[in-house]
C-alpha cells in the first residue's frame, strides 16, 4: 500500500472510531479517495466513474451487499430520495462490497439490482479496497460527499422514509446542494 492510500486508511479508520453509531456531520471534512475500480466489469448501470468527474455534484455513497436485509430495507427510502432530488446536482453511487463468495458474482449482483429496481451506478468492490480506504465497518453506510469531493457526513444503518436519520440525511444533502 503506498503512502497516500495508507494516509487515507489511517484518517478514515480514525474517523470511524470518533463518532456514534448513527454518525452525522463530521467536524473535519476529508477528501474522499478516488474510486478503486476502473474496469467496465466492475461497474453496473454506468460506465466506470471517478469522483473527479463528479465534482460539482453532491454524491451519496451507499455501501451495501445483497444478502444484507438492512440494505434491502433502505432501498425504498433511497429510491424516494433520488426521485425527490432528480433535478438537483445529486447522485447516489452504490458500493457493493460482498460479505459472502456468491455475492462476488456479477450476474448475482445484476439480478439483485434488477429485483430492487436500482438505477444508480454501482461499483463492485469485491476486494474490499474501497471499503478499507473509507475505513468502513457496516452495511449499510451512507457517506455524503460535497461538490468539492470532501466527505462531510456519515450515516450508518437501515434508513426508512420519514425516519429521523432519513430527515437528517436529506437536510445535509440540501445544505450541500446550496453551497
Protein backbone atom coordinates (compact mmCIF):
# COMPACT_ATOMS: atom_id res chain seq x y z
CA UNK A 1 0.00 0.00 0.00
CA UNK A 2 1.51 3.32 -0.98
CA UNK A 3 1.83 6.20 1.48
CA UNK A 4 -1.07 8.19 0.01
CA UNK A 5 -3.52 5.31 0.41
CA UNK A 6 -2.15 4.44 3.86
CA UNK A 7 -2.79 8.05 4.98
CA UNK A 8 -6.43 7.85 3.89
CA UNK A 9 -6.93 4.50 5.59
CA UNK A 10 -5.50 5.82 8.85
CA UNK A 11 -7.57 9.03 8.65
CA UNK A 12 -10.83 7.28 7.88
CA UNK A 13 -10.31 4.50 10.42
CA UNK A 14 -9.66 7.23 12.98
CA UNK A 15 -12.88 8.95 11.96
CA UNK A 16 -14.74 5.69 12.27
CA UNK A 17 -13.77 5.48 15.91
CA UNK A 18 -14.66 9.06 16.75
CA UNK A 19 -18.41 9.23 16.24
CA UNK A 20 -21.55 7.48 17.40
CA UNK A 21 -23.26 4.58 15.66
CA UNK A 22 -25.58 6.89 13.70
CA UNK A 23 -22.81 9.41 12.95
CA UNK A 24 -23.86 12.52 11.03
CA UNK A 25 -21.93 15.63 10.09
CA UNK A 26 -18.19 15.36 10.52
CA UNK A 27 -16.32 18.05 12.40
CA UNK A 28 -13.39 17.72 10.00
CA UNK A 29 -14.02 17.13 6.29
CA UNK A 30 -11.55 14.94 4.41
CA UNK A 31 -11.09 14.30 0.70
CA UNK A 32 -12.91 11.18 -0.46
CA UNK A 33 -10.49 8.69 -2.01
CA UNK A 34 -10.92 8.07 -5.73
CA UNK A 35 -12.93 5.01 -6.76
CA UNK A 36 -10.74 1.93 -6.90
CA UNK A 37 -12.40 0.04 -9.74
CA UNK A 38 -11.88 1.33 -13.29
CA UNK A 39 -12.84 -1.72 -15.36
CA UNK A 40 -16.24 -1.95 -17.04
CA UNK A 41 -16.72 -5.39 -15.47
CA UNK A 42 -16.74 -3.75 -12.01
CA UNK A 43 -19.48 -1.19 -12.75
CA UNK A 44 -23.21 -1.74 -13.19
CA UNK A 45 -25.78 0.76 -14.51
CA UNK A 46 -22.93 3.00 -15.66
CA UNK A 47 -19.55 3.08 -17.31
CA UNK A 48 -16.71 3.42 -14.79
CA UNK A 49 -16.90 6.73 -12.93
CA UNK A 50 -14.44 8.83 -10.99
CA UNK A 51 -15.09 11.23 -8.15
CA UNK A 52 -13.04 13.78 -10.05
CA UNK A 53 -15.57 13.78 -12.90
CA UNK A 54 -18.41 14.06 -10.36
CA UNK A 55 -17.07 17.35 -8.93
CA UNK A 56 -19.86 19.90 -8.78
CA UNK A 57 -22.28 17.14 -7.74
CA UNK A 58 -23.26 16.09 -4.23
CA UNK A 59 -22.64 12.33 -4.02
CA UNK A 60 -24.11 9.85 -1.58
CA UNK A 61 -22.13 6.63 -1.39
CA UNK A 62 -24.18 3.63 -0.28
CA UNK A 63 -22.07 0.71 0.99
CA UNK A 64 -24.23 -2.38 0.69
CA UNK A 65 -24.21 -6.08 -0.05
CA UNK A 66 -27.09 -8.06 -1.47
CA UNK A 67 -27.57 -10.51 1.40
CA UNK A 68 -27.96 -7.63 3.88
CA UNK A 69 -31.58 -7.18 4.94
CA UNK A 70 -30.86 -3.78 6.42
CA UNK A 71 -29.60 -2.73 2.98
CA UNK A 72 -32.76 -4.04 1.27
CA UNK A 73 -34.96 -2.18 3.68
CA UNK A 74 -33.18 1.10 2.90
CA UNK A 75 -33.70 0.88 -0.88
CA UNK A 76 -37.30 2.24 -0.90
CA UNK A 77 -36.20 5.36 1.03
CA UNK A 78 -33.17 5.79 -1.21
CA UNK A 79 -35.33 5.50 -4.34
CA UNK A 80 -37.70 8.17 -2.99
CA UNK A 81 -34.74 10.42 -2.19
CA UNK A 82 -33.35 10.00 -5.72
CA UNK A 83 -36.75 10.90 -7.20
CA UNK A 84 -37.12 13.95 -4.94
CA UNK A 85 -33.69 15.24 -5.93
CA UNK A 86 -33.76 14.16 -9.59
CA UNK A 87 -33.48 17.76 -10.82
CA UNK A 88 -30.62 18.62 -8.46
CA UNK A 89 -26.84 18.15 -8.74
CA UNK A 90 -27.09 14.96 -6.68
CA UNK A 91 -26.30 11.32 -7.36
CA UNK A 92 -26.16 8.05 -5.49
CA UNK A 93 -23.29 5.64 -6.12
CA UNK A 94 -23.73 2.16 -4.74
CA UNK A 95 -20.59 0.45 -3.47
CA UNK A 96 -21.39 -3.27 -3.44
CA UNK A 97 -18.92 -4.88 -1.05
CA UNK A 98 -19.69 -8.60 -0.62
CA UNK A 99 -19.78 -10.48 2.63
CA UNK A 100 -20.05 -13.95 1.06
CA UNK A 101 -18.48 -15.60 -2.01
CA UNK A 102 -21.76 -15.79 -4.01
CA UNK A 103 -22.10 -12.00 -3.62
CA UNK A 104 -18.91 -11.54 -5.67
CA UNK A 105 -20.56 -12.93 -8.82
CA UNK A 106 -21.54 -10.14 -11.19
CA UNK A 107 -24.63 -11.96 -12.50
CA UNK A 108 -25.93 -12.35 -8.93
CA UNK A 109 -25.39 -8.64 -8.22
CA UNK A 110 -27.10 -7.73 -11.52
CA UNK A 111 -30.11 -9.87 -10.57
CA UNK A 112 -30.45 -8.10 -7.21
CA UNK A 113 -30.08 -4.67 -8.83
CA UNK A 114 -32.93 -5.62 -11.19
CA UNK A 115 -35.03 -7.09 -8.36
CA UNK A 116 -34.74 -3.92 -6.29
CA UNK A 117 -35.03 -1.60 -9.28
CA UNK A 118 -31.79 0.23 -8.53
CA UNK A 119 -30.95 2.64 -11.35
CA UNK A 120 -27.95 4.46 -9.93
CA UNK A 121 -24.36 3.43 -10.73
CA UNK A 122 -22.96 0.57 -8.66
CA UNK A 123 -19.28 -0.23 -8.25
CA UNK A 124 -18.41 -3.79 -7.29
CA UNK A 125 -15.79 -3.64 -4.54
CA UNK A 126 -15.07 -7.38 -4.40
CA UNK A 127 -11.58 -6.94 -2.99
CA UNK A 128 -12.73 -4.54 -0.22
CA UNK A 129 -10.19 -1.93 -1.38
CA UNK A 130 -12.63 0.99 -1.35
CA UNK A 131 -14.26 -0.27 1.86
CA UNK A 132 -10.83 -0.21 3.51
CA UNK A 133 -9.86 3.17 2.05
CA UNK A 134 -13.03 4.66 3.53
CA UNK A 135 -12.48 2.88 6.85
CA UNK A 136 -15.98 1.44 6.53
CA UNK A 137 -17.28 -1.12 9.01
CA UNK A 138 -21.00 -1.59 8.40
CA UNK A 139 -23.69 -2.36 5.83
CA UNK A 140 -25.38 -0.10 5.00
CA UNK A 141 -23.35 3.05 5.49
CA UNK A 142 -24.06 6.30 3.66
CA UNK A 143 -21.28 8.84 3.02
CA UNK A 144 -22.18 12.33 1.82
CA UNK A 145 -19.55 13.93 -0.38
CA UNK A 146 -19.77 17.65 -1.20
CA UNK A 147 -19.29 19.28 -4.59
CA UNK A 148 -15.54 19.62 -3.99
CA UNK A 149 -15.07 15.92 -3.18
CA UNK A 150 -14.92 16.16 0.62
CA UNK A 151 -16.65 13.65 2.90
CA UNK A 152 -18.93 15.79 5.06
CA UNK A 153 -21.31 13.32 6.74
CA UNK A 154 -21.52 9.62 7.52
CA UNK A 155 -24.70 7.77 8.45
CA UNK A 156 -24.80 4.14 9.49
CA UNK A 157 -27.67 1.69 9.41
CA UNK A 158 -31.02 0.88 7.91
CA UNK A 159 -32.89 4.02 6.90
CA UNK A 160 -36.62 4.48 6.20
CA UNK A 161 -38.56 7.34 4.65
CA UNK A 162 -39.65 9.77 7.33
CA UNK A 163 -37.26 8.45 9.97
CA UNK A 164 -35.04 10.82 11.96
CA UNK A 165 -31.99 9.57 10.08
CA UNK A 166 -33.66 10.00 6.66
CA UNK A 167 -34.61 13.59 7.55
CA UNK A 168 -31.06 14.32 8.76
CA UNK A 169 -29.53 12.91 5.58
CA UNK A 170 -31.87 14.91 3.34
CA UNK A 171 -31.20 18.07 5.38
CA UNK A 172 -27.44 17.54 4.97
CA UNK A 173 -27.79 16.89 1.23
CA UNK A 174 -29.90 20.02 0.72
CA UNK A 175 -27.35 22.05 2.67
CA UNK A 176 -24.53 20.71 0.48
CA UNK A 177 -26.55 21.48 -2.65
CA UNK A 178 -26.89 25.13 -1.53
CA UNK A 179 -23.12 25.52 -1.10
